[in-house]
Amino acid sequence: MPPMTQLGRWLIAAGLALAIVGSLLLLLQRLGLTPGQLPGDFRIQTERMTCFIPLASSVLISLLLTVLLNLLLRLIAR
C-alpha cells in the first residue's frame, strides 16, 4: 500500500475520533455534566488560592479514550 494511502486513512480515523469526542462533549453539556464540573471534581478555594482537582473528569476521559483506542486497534488488526 502506498504511504499516502496509509496517511489518508490515519487522517480520516483521527478526524472521526475528534468528531466522536466533540459529540460526546456536546451530549455531556446538554445533560448538564460539563467536564470540569462533574460530581467528584474537587475545587478548593481560599482567599489567596484556588486548587482544582478534576478527578471524575479524568476518569471519564480515560475510560472513553480506552474504549475508542481498543475499537480502533481492533479495526486496524483485521
N, C-alpha and C. Protein backbone atom coordinates (compact mmCIF):
# COMPACT_ATOMS: atom_id res chain seq x y z
N MET A 1 0.85 -1.17 0.00
CA MET A 1 0.00 0.00 0.00
C MET A 1 0.90 1.24 0.00
N PRO A 2 0.67 2.18 -0.89
CA PRO A 2 1.49 3.40 -0.93
C PRO A 2 1.37 4.19 0.38
N PRO A 3 2.44 4.88 0.76
CA PRO A 3 2.42 5.61 2.04
C PRO A 3 1.34 6.69 2.12
N MET A 4 1.01 7.33 1.01
CA MET A 4 -0.01 8.39 1.05
C MET A 4 -1.40 7.82 1.35
N THR A 5 -1.67 6.60 0.88
CA THR A 5 -2.95 5.97 1.18
C THR A 5 -3.06 5.68 2.67
N GLN A 6 -1.99 5.18 3.25
CA GLN A 6 -1.98 4.90 4.69
C GLN A 6 -2.15 6.19 5.49
N LEU A 7 -1.47 7.25 5.07
CA LEU A 7 -1.60 8.54 5.75
C LEU A 7 -3.03 9.05 5.65
N GLY A 8 -3.65 8.89 4.50
CA GLY A 8 -5.03 9.32 4.33
C GLY A 8 -5.98 8.59 5.26
N ARG A 9 -5.76 7.30 5.41
CA ARG A 9 -6.61 6.52 6.32
C ARG A 9 -6.43 6.96 7.76
N TRP A 10 -5.18 7.24 8.15
CA TRP A 10 -4.92 7.71 9.52
C TRP A 10 -5.58 9.06 9.76
N LEU A 11 -5.53 9.94 8.79
CA LEU A 11 -6.16 11.25 8.95
C LEU A 11 -7.67 11.14 9.05
N ILE A 12 -8.27 10.25 8.26
CA ILE A 12 -9.71 10.03 8.35
C ILE A 12 -10.07 9.47 9.73
N ALA A 13 -9.30 8.51 10.23
CA ALA A 13 -9.56 7.93 11.55
C ALA A 13 -9.42 8.99 12.64
N ALA A 14 -8.41 9.84 12.53
CA ALA A 14 -8.22 10.89 13.53
C ALA A 14 -9.39 11.88 13.47
N GLY A 15 -9.86 12.22 12.28
CA GLY A 15 -11.00 13.12 12.14
C GLY A 15 -12.27 12.53 12.73
N LEU A 16 -12.48 11.26 12.50
CA LEU A 16 -13.66 10.60 13.08
C LEU A 16 -13.57 10.56 14.61
N ALA A 17 -12.38 10.30 15.12
CA ALA A 17 -12.20 10.27 16.58
C ALA A 17 -12.48 11.65 17.17
N LEU A 18 -12.01 12.70 16.53
CA LEU A 18 -12.29 14.06 17.01
C LEU A 18 -13.78 14.38 16.95
N ALA A 19 -14.44 13.92 15.90
CA ALA A 19 -15.89 14.16 15.78
C ALA A 19 -16.64 13.43 16.89
N ILE A 20 -16.22 12.23 17.21
CA ILE A 20 -16.87 11.46 18.29
C ILE A 20 -16.66 12.14 19.63
N VAL A 21 -15.44 12.57 19.90
CA VAL A 21 -15.15 13.25 21.16
C VAL A 21 -15.95 14.56 21.25
N GLY A 22 -16.03 15.30 20.17
CA GLY A 22 -16.81 16.54 20.16
C GLY A 22 -18.28 16.27 20.40
N SER A 23 -18.81 15.22 19.80
CA SER A 23 -20.21 14.87 20.00
C SER A 23 -20.48 14.48 21.45
N LEU A 24 -19.55 13.74 22.03
CA LEU A 24 -19.71 13.36 23.44
C LEU A 24 -19.67 14.57 24.35
N LEU A 25 -18.81 15.53 24.07
CA LEU A 25 -18.75 16.74 24.88
C LEU A 25 -20.05 17.54 24.76
N LEU A 26 -20.61 17.62 23.56
CA LEU A 26 -21.89 18.31 23.39
C LEU A 26 -23.01 17.59 24.13
N LEU A 27 -23.00 16.26 24.07
CA LEU A 27 -24.02 15.48 24.77
C LEU A 27 -23.91 15.67 26.28
N LEU A 28 -22.68 15.65 26.80
CA LEU A 28 -22.50 15.86 28.24
C LEU A 28 -22.97 17.25 28.65
N GLN A 29 -22.73 18.25 27.81
CA GLN A 29 -23.15 19.60 28.14
C GLN A 29 -24.68 19.70 28.16
N ARG A 30 -25.35 19.03 27.25
CA ARG A 30 -26.83 19.05 27.24
C ARG A 30 -27.40 18.36 28.48
N LEU A 31 -26.66 17.37 28.99
CA LEU A 31 -27.10 16.68 30.20
C LEU A 31 -26.75 17.46 31.46
N GLY A 32 -26.02 18.57 31.29
CA GLY A 32 -25.64 19.39 32.44
C GLY A 32 -24.38 18.89 33.14
N LEU A 33 -23.64 18.03 32.50
CA LEU A 33 -22.43 17.47 33.09
C LEU A 33 -21.21 17.89 32.27
N THR A 34 -20.88 19.16 32.32
CA THR A 34 -19.73 19.61 31.57
C THR A 34 -18.45 19.14 32.24
N PRO A 35 -17.46 18.73 31.45
CA PRO A 35 -16.19 18.31 32.05
C PRO A 35 -15.61 19.43 32.90
N GLY A 36 -15.13 19.05 34.05
CA GLY A 36 -14.62 20.04 34.99
C GLY A 36 -15.64 20.43 36.04
N GLN A 37 -16.89 20.04 35.83
CA GLN A 37 -17.94 20.35 36.80
C GLN A 37 -18.72 19.09 37.16
N LEU A 38 -18.12 17.95 37.00
CA LEU A 38 -18.78 16.70 37.34
C LEU A 38 -18.72 16.46 38.84
N PRO A 39 -19.66 15.69 39.38
CA PRO A 39 -19.53 15.30 40.78
C PRO A 39 -18.24 14.48 40.94
N GLY A 40 -17.42 14.84 41.85
CA GLY A 40 -16.14 14.17 42.02
C GLY A 40 -14.98 15.03 41.55
N ASP A 41 -15.26 16.17 40.95
CA ASP A 41 -14.24 17.16 40.62
C ASP A 41 -14.16 18.12 41.81
N PHE A 42 -13.00 18.23 42.37
CA PHE A 42 -12.85 19.00 43.60
C PHE A 42 -12.27 20.38 43.32
N ARG A 43 -12.84 21.38 43.97
CA ARG A 43 -12.35 22.75 43.88
C ARG A 43 -12.18 23.25 45.32
N ILE A 44 -10.96 23.60 45.66
CA ILE A 44 -10.65 24.10 46.99
C ILE A 44 -10.28 25.57 46.82
N GLN A 45 -11.08 26.45 47.44
CA GLN A 45 -10.83 27.88 47.31
C GLN A 45 -10.58 28.48 48.68
N THR A 46 -9.55 29.29 48.73
CA THR A 46 -9.29 30.11 49.91
C THR A 46 -9.22 31.56 49.43
N GLU A 47 -8.91 32.45 50.32
CA GLU A 47 -8.81 33.85 49.93
C GLU A 47 -7.67 34.09 48.94
N ARG A 48 -6.59 33.33 49.08
CA ARG A 48 -5.39 33.60 48.29
C ARG A 48 -5.11 32.59 47.19
N MET A 49 -5.83 31.47 47.15
CA MET A 49 -5.54 30.47 46.13
C MET A 49 -6.77 29.66 45.78
N THR A 50 -6.71 29.05 44.62
CA THR A 50 -7.73 28.11 44.17
C THR A 50 -7.02 26.87 43.65
N CYS A 51 -7.45 25.71 44.12
CA CYS A 51 -6.88 24.44 43.68
C CYS A 51 -8.02 23.61 43.08
N PHE A 52 -7.82 23.17 41.85
CA PHE A 52 -8.86 22.40 41.15
C PHE A 52 -8.30 21.02 40.84
N ILE A 53 -9.00 19.97 41.26
CA ILE A 53 -8.58 18.59 41.03
C ILE A 53 -9.71 17.89 40.27
N PRO A 54 -9.56 17.72 38.94
CA PRO A 54 -10.64 17.13 38.13
C PRO A 54 -10.60 15.60 38.13
N LEU A 55 -10.85 14.99 39.26
CA LEU A 55 -10.75 13.54 39.41
C LEU A 55 -11.78 12.81 38.55
N ALA A 56 -13.04 13.15 38.65
CA ALA A 56 -14.10 12.45 37.89
C ALA A 56 -13.94 12.69 36.39
N SER A 57 -13.58 13.91 36.00
CA SER A 57 -13.39 14.19 34.58
C SER A 57 -12.23 13.38 34.02
N SER A 58 -11.16 13.25 34.78
CA SER A 58 -10.01 12.48 34.33
C SER A 58 -10.36 11.00 34.14
N VAL A 59 -11.11 10.45 35.07
CA VAL A 59 -11.51 9.05 34.98
C VAL A 59 -12.43 8.84 33.77
N LEU A 60 -13.37 9.76 33.55
CA LEU A 60 -14.29 9.65 32.42
C LEU A 60 -13.55 9.74 31.09
N ILE A 61 -12.65 10.67 30.96
CA ILE A 61 -11.87 10.82 29.73
C ILE A 61 -11.00 9.59 29.51
N SER A 62 -10.41 9.07 30.57
CA SER A 62 -9.58 7.87 30.45
C SER A 62 -10.39 6.68 29.96
N LEU A 63 -11.59 6.49 30.50
CA LEU A 63 -12.44 5.38 30.07
C LEU A 63 -12.85 5.53 28.60
N LEU A 64 -13.25 6.73 28.21
CA LEU A 64 -13.66 6.96 26.83
C LEU A 64 -12.50 6.73 25.85
N LEU A 65 -11.33 7.22 26.18
CA LEU A 65 -10.18 7.02 25.30
C LEU A 65 -9.76 5.56 25.23
N THR A 66 -9.87 4.84 26.34
CA THR A 66 -9.54 3.41 26.34
C THR A 66 -10.47 2.64 25.41
N VAL A 67 -11.76 2.92 25.49
CA VAL A 67 -12.73 2.25 24.62
C VAL A 67 -12.47 2.60 23.16
N LEU A 68 -12.27 3.89 22.87
CA LEU A 68 -12.03 4.30 21.48
C LEU A 68 -10.76 3.69 20.92
N LEU A 69 -9.70 3.69 21.68
CA LEU A 69 -8.44 3.13 21.19
C LEU A 69 -8.53 1.62 21.00
N ASN A 70 -9.23 0.93 21.89
CA ASN A 70 -9.40 -0.51 21.72
C ASN A 70 -10.20 -0.83 20.46
N LEU A 71 -11.26 -0.06 20.22
CA LEU A 71 -12.04 -0.26 18.99
C LEU A 71 -11.20 0.02 17.75
N LEU A 72 -10.43 1.09 17.79
CA LEU A 72 -9.59 1.45 16.66
C LEU A 72 -8.54 0.38 16.40
N LEU A 73 -7.90 -0.11 17.44
CA LEU A 73 -6.87 -1.14 17.26
C LEU A 73 -7.47 -2.46 16.75
N ARG A 74 -8.67 -2.78 17.18
CA ARG A 74 -9.32 -4.00 16.66
C ARG A 74 -9.67 -3.86 15.18
N LEU A 75 -10.08 -2.67 14.78
CA LEU A 75 -10.39 -2.45 13.36
C LEU A 75 -9.12 -2.49 12.51
N ILE A 76 -8.04 -1.97 13.04
CA ILE A 76 -6.77 -1.96 12.30
C ILE A 76 -6.20 -3.38 12.19
N ALA A 77 -6.39 -4.19 13.22
CA ALA A 77 -5.81 -5.54 13.26
C ALA A 77 -6.48 -6.49 12.26
N ARG A 78 -7.63 -6.15 11.75
CA ARG A 78 -8.33 -7.04 10.81
C ARG A 78 -7.63 -7.15 9.52
